[in-house]
């Protein structure tokens, strides 16, 4: 199946002030370890001020691009892996293989709160521990809300051309290694477009940043959220997992 024309070019995410995501207050409190204890008036005011300042001053930025999926290859250990066509992205690990092996396409996205947010975090950490903790939690909620906006846009675009989408999956989940980050950033041109880089240990910088994959399917979704079966898998005849007496979803075949 050819890549639909509407997915053929990269898409930038640049919400204006009125369209920016909002910090999920409940999620922010969970990041802070809130367990139902009473919040005094001073802390409540600090939280409100922190959230208002963040939403007003920090603009999330992102980019996404869609690739055809090739699940026919193997990694250096002879295990099945995912290659995103016309990119250097090769994804190893059973979990991401299960997530994308039946997908026709994969949308790769990156989103960041940028270096202004990073500098603010560092300044607060050196001046006021409580405000730093509040701002850090608010930022974590804010970047998730921004990625969720990008996710919804992908699903809408997919539905418009008759495709279904699974849930987003990031490097570091399961056994998908963080070593995929540099190739993801290169494929998205994220360093130039977003100022987003990977450290020598493959962590993202700025730290309030996310990369993720969303599988797009020509038909029903098959991934780790649904019980897979070898009977519908196009790779069954040459599957390296089955050759070892097991499956990609963790069961033994003999």
Protein backbone atom coordinates (compact mmCIF):
# COMPACT_ATOMS: atom_id res chain seq x y z
CA UNK A 1 0.00 0.00 0.00
CA UNK A 2 1.41 3.37 -1.03
CA UNK A 3 1.76 6.20 1.44
CA UNK A 4 -1.31 8.49 1.12
CA UNK A 5 -0.49 11.88 -0.38
CA UNK A 6 -1.69 13.67 2.76
CA UNK A 7 1.04 11.90 4.78
CA UNK A 8 3.85 12.42 2.27
CA UNK A 9 5.39 15.54 3.81
CA UNK A 10 6.46 16.45 7.37
CA UNK A 11 3.90 18.33 9.47
CA UNK A 12 4.90 21.00 11.97
CA UNK A 13 3.08 21.51 15.27
CA UNK A 14 3.02 25.18 16.27
CA UNK A 15 -0.15 25.96 18.26
CA UNK A 16 -0.96 29.62 18.71
CA UNK A 17 -1.77 30.95 22.16
CA UNK A 18 -5.48 30.14 21.96
CA UNK A 19 -4.84 26.61 20.67
CA UNK A 20 -2.13 25.62 23.14
CA UNK A 21 -2.76 22.61 25.40
CA UNK A 22 -3.67 23.07 29.02
CA UNK A 23 -1.90 21.61 32.03
CA UNK A 24 -3.90 18.74 33.51
CA UNK A 25 -4.08 19.74 37.17
CA UNK A 26 -4.78 16.20 38.39
CA UNK A 27 -1.84 14.83 36.41
CA UNK A 28 0.42 17.59 37.73
CA UNK A 29 -0.49 16.63 41.29
CA UNK A 30 0.24 12.98 40.55
CA UNK A 31 3.73 13.96 39.36
CA UNK A 32 4.12 15.74 42.71
CA UNK A 33 3.16 12.59 44.61
CA UNK A 34 -0.16 14.00 45.78
CA UNK A 35 -2.12 11.41 47.72
CA UNK A 36 -5.27 13.28 48.69
CA UNK A 37 -3.73 15.41 51.43
CA UNK A 38 -5.08 18.92 51.99
CA UNK A 39 -3.50 21.70 49.91
CA UNK A 40 -3.11 24.92 51.87
CA UNK A 41 -3.93 28.33 50.40
CA UNK A 42 -0.31 29.34 49.84
CA UNK A 43 0.48 26.15 47.91
CA UNK A 44 -2.73 26.50 45.90
CA UNK A 45 -1.73 30.01 44.88
CA UNK A 46 1.76 28.84 43.90
CA UNK A 47 0.29 26.08 41.74
CA UNK A 48 -2.13 28.45 39.99
CA UNK A 49 0.64 31.01 39.37
CA UNK A 50 3.00 28.31 38.07
CA UNK A 51 0.46 26.89 35.63
CA UNK A 52 -0.63 30.29 34.34
CA UNK A 53 2.95 31.37 33.73
CA UNK A 54 3.83 28.13 31.96
CA UNK A 55 0.82 28.15 29.63
CA UNK A 56 1.38 31.81 28.77
CA UNK A 57 5.14 31.86 28.29
CA UNK A 58 6.13 28.44 26.92
CA UNK A 59 5.14 27.39 23.40
CA UNK A 60 5.27 23.65 22.64
CA UNK A 61 6.77 22.81 19.26
CA UNK A 62 6.71 19.59 17.33
CA UNK A 63 7.10 17.81 14.02
CA UNK A 64 5.77 14.56 12.67
CA UNK A 65 6.42 12.47 9.59
CA UNK A 66 4.96 9.21 8.30
CA UNK A 67 6.91 6.28 6.82
CA UNK A 68 6.04 2.93 5.29
CA UNK A 69 6.76 -0.01 7.62
CA UNK A 70 9.03 -2.90 6.65
CA UNK A 71 8.80 -5.73 9.18
CA UNK A 72 10.64 -8.31 7.08
CA UNK A 73 14.18 -7.64 8.29
CA UNK A 74 16.25 -8.89 11.21
CA UNK A 75 18.71 -7.24 13.57
CA UNK A 76 22.34 -8.20 14.19
CA UNK A 77 21.19 -11.07 16.41
CA UNK A 78 18.87 -12.46 13.76
CA UNK A 79 15.73 -11.27 15.55
CA UNK A 80 12.85 -9.55 13.71
CA UNK A 81 12.99 -5.76 13.69
CA UNK A 82 11.16 -2.81 12.21
CA UNK A 83 12.65 -0.69 9.44
CA UNK A 84 10.96 2.57 8.52
CA UNK A 85 11.36 2.89 4.77
CA UNK A 86 13.42 5.81 3.40
CA UNK A 87 14.89 6.53 6.82
CA UNK A 88 17.72 5.26 9.01
CA UNK A 89 15.26 4.25 11.74
CA UNK A 90 15.63 0.60 12.71
CA UNK A 91 13.66 -0.44 15.79
CA UNK A 92 14.72 -3.50 17.73
CA UNK A 93 12.98 -5.28 20.57
CA UNK A 94 9.97 -7.53 20.84
CA UNK A 95 7.60 -4.87 22.16
CA UNK A 96 8.00 -2.37 19.33
CA UNK A 97 7.98 -5.24 16.83
CA UNK A 98 4.59 -6.35 18.13
CA UNK A 99 3.41 -2.76 18.05
CA UNK A 100 4.24 -2.11 14.39
CA UNK A 101 4.68 -5.42 12.55
CA UNK A 102 1.17 -5.42 11.05
CA UNK A 103 1.03 -1.66 10.42
CA UNK A 104 1.17 -0.34 6.88
CA UNK A 105 2.66 2.97 8.03
CA UNK A 106 4.17 4.55 11.11
CA UNK A 107 3.90 8.19 12.10
CA UNK A 108 6.96 9.34 14.02
CA UNK A 109 6.61 12.47 16.12
CA UNK A 110 8.77 14.68 18.29
CA UNK A 111 7.62 17.44 20.63
CA UNK A 112 9.48 19.73 23.01
CA UNK A 113 8.92 22.63 25.39
CA UNK A 114 12.24 24.08 24.24
CA UNK A 115 15.29 25.59 25.89
CA UNK A 116 13.39 28.48 27.49
CA UNK A 117 11.65 25.89 29.64
CA UNK A 118 14.97 24.18 30.35
CA UNK A 119 16.58 27.42 31.50
CA UNK A 120 13.60 28.22 33.71
CA UNK A 121 13.82 24.79 35.35
CA UNK A 122 17.51 25.25 36.08
CA UNK A 123 17.05 28.77 37.46
CA UNK A 124 14.27 27.70 39.82
CA UNK A 125 16.26 24.64 40.97
CA UNK A 126 19.05 26.96 42.11
CA UNK A 127 16.73 29.43 43.84
CA UNK A 128 13.55 27.87 45.20
CA UNK A 129 13.13 24.11 45.57
CA UNK A 130 9.35 24.15 45.97
CA UNK A 131 8.72 26.35 42.95
CA UNK A 132 11.14 24.19 40.96
CA UNK A 133 9.21 21.04 41.89
CA UNK A 134 5.89 22.66 40.95
CA UNK A 135 7.23 23.92 37.62
CA UNK A 136 8.80 20.56 36.80
CA UNK A 137 5.52 18.73 37.45
CA UNK A 138 3.55 21.28 35.45
CA UNK A 139 5.98 20.92 32.54
CA UNK A 140 5.66 17.14 32.57
CA UNK A 141 1.88 17.47 32.35
CA UNK A 142 2.15 20.19 29.68
CA UNK A 143 4.39 18.19 27.32
CA UNK A 144 2.08 15.18 27.63
CA UNK A 145 -0.88 17.39 26.75
CA UNK A 146 0.98 18.72 23.71
CA UNK A 147 1.85 15.22 22.50
CA UNK A 148 -1.77 14.22 23.01
CA UNK A 149 -2.81 17.07 20.69
CA UNK A 150 -0.38 15.79 18.06
CA UNK A 151 -1.69 12.25 18.59
CA UNK A 152 -5.29 13.37 17.99
CA UNK A 153 -4.26 15.16 14.80
CA UNK A 154 -2.63 11.96 13.52
CA UNK A 155 -5.76 9.92 14.27
CA UNK A 156 -8.00 12.45 12.53
CA UNK A 157 -5.76 12.53 9.47
CA UNK A 158 -5.62 8.72 9.43
CA UNK A 159 -9.39 8.36 9.71
CA UNK A 160 -9.82 10.75 6.78
CA UNK A 161 -8.07 8.24 4.52
CA UNK A 162 -9.61 5.12 6.04
CA UNK A 163 -6.73 4.10 8.30
CA UNK A 164 -6.89 3.08 11.96
CA UNK A 165 -4.23 3.99 14.54
CA UNK A 166 -2.86 2.27 17.61
CA UNK A 167 -1.53 3.91 20.77
CA UNK A 168 1.70 5.87 20.76
CA UNK A 169 4.88 4.10 21.81
CA UNK A 170 8.12 5.83 22.82
CA UNK A 171 11.75 4.67 22.97
CA UNK A 172 12.41 3.46 26.50
CA UNK A 173 9.03 1.72 26.76
CA UNK A 174 9.34 -2.04 27.15
CA UNK A 175 12.48 -3.25 25.43
CA UNK A 176 12.59 -0.57 22.71
CA UNK A 177 16.01 0.99 23.33
CA UNK A 178 16.78 4.67 23.74
CA UNK A 179 19.52 4.19 21.15
CA UNK A 180 16.80 4.76 18.53
CA UNK A 181 16.63 8.45 19.47
CA UNK A 182 19.42 9.84 17.21
CA UNK A 183 17.98 8.22 14.07
CA UNK A 184 14.48 9.49 14.98
CA UNK A 185 15.73 13.05 15.38
CA UNK A 186 17.65 12.82 12.10
CA UNK A 187 14.62 11.48 10.20
CA UNK A 188 12.48 14.34 11.51
CA UNK A 189 15.20 17.00 11.08
CA UNK A 190 14.32 17.78 14.69
CA UNK A 191 17.63 19.41 15.57
CA UNK A 192 17.09 22.17 13.03
CA UNK A 193 13.31 22.46 13.32
CA UNK A 194 12.96 22.11 17.10
CA UNK A 195 16.43 22.51 18.59
CA UNK A 196 16.06 18.95 19.86
CA UNK A 197 19.14 16.76 20.33
CA UNK A 198 20.17 13.52 22.03
CA UNK A 199 22.91 13.29 24.65
CA UNK A 200 25.69 10.69 24.56
CA UNK A 201 23.43 8.46 26.65
CA UNK A 202 20.53 8.99 24.21
CA UNK A 203 18.45 11.17 26.52
CA UNK A 204 16.59 14.05 24.90
CA UNK A 205 17.68 17.64 25.37
CA UNK A 206 15.76 19.79 26.24
CA UNK A 207 14.59 17.34 28.88
CA UNK A 208 10.88 18.17 28.55
CA UNK A 209 10.67 16.50 25.16
CA UNK A 210 9.04 13.35 23.78
CA UNK A 211 9.42 11.17 20.69
CA UNK A 212 6.89 8.51 19.79
CA UNK A 213 5.57 6.12 17.15
CA UNK A 214 1.96 5.56 16.10
CA UNK A 215 1.14 2.60 13.86
CA UNK A 216 -1.36 3.16 11.04
CA UNK A 217 -3.30 0.15 9.80
CA UNK A 218 -5.25 -0.63 6.64
CA UNK A 219 -7.93 -2.44 8.61
CA UNK A 220 -8.24 -3.46 12.27
CA UNK A 221 -5.41 -2.61 14.64
CA UNK A 222 -3.12 -5.47 15.64
CA UNK A 223 -0.65 -4.60 18.40
CA UNK A 224 0.26 -5.23 22.03
CA UNK A 225 -3.19 -3.99 23.16
CA UNK A 226 -4.96 -6.80 21.34
CA UNK A 227 -4.20 -10.48 21.66
CA UNK A 228 -2.06 -11.35 18.64
CA UNK A 229 -2.10 -14.60 16.77
CA UNK A 230 0.43 -16.17 14.44
CA UNK A 231 -2.36 -17.29 12.10
CA UNK A 232 -2.91 -13.79 10.71
CA UNK A 233 0.76 -12.78 10.61
CA UNK A 234 2.28 -12.38 7.15
CA UNK A 235 5.72 -13.20 8.57
CA UNK A 236 4.77 -16.59 10.02
CA UNK A 237 6.61 -18.70 7.35
CA UNK A 238 9.96 -17.04 8.05
CA UNK A 239 9.47 -15.91 11.67
CA UNK A 240 12.68 -16.04 13.73
CA UNK A 241 10.67 -16.09 16.97
CA UNK A 242 8.83 -19.27 15.89
CA UNK A 243 12.11 -20.79 14.76
CA UNK A 244 13.24 -20.47 18.39
CA UNK A 245 10.05 -22.13 19.62
CA UNK A 246 8.34 -18.94 20.82
CA UNK A 247 6.23 -16.02 19.61
CA UNK A 248 6.62 -12.25 19.55
CA UNK A 249 3.91 -12.02 22.24
CA UNK A 250 5.76 -14.22 24.73
CA UNK A 251 4.23 -17.68 24.34
CA UNK A 252 5.99 -20.94 23.60
CA UNK A 253 5.19 -22.87 20.45
CA UNK A 254 6.81 -26.09 21.59
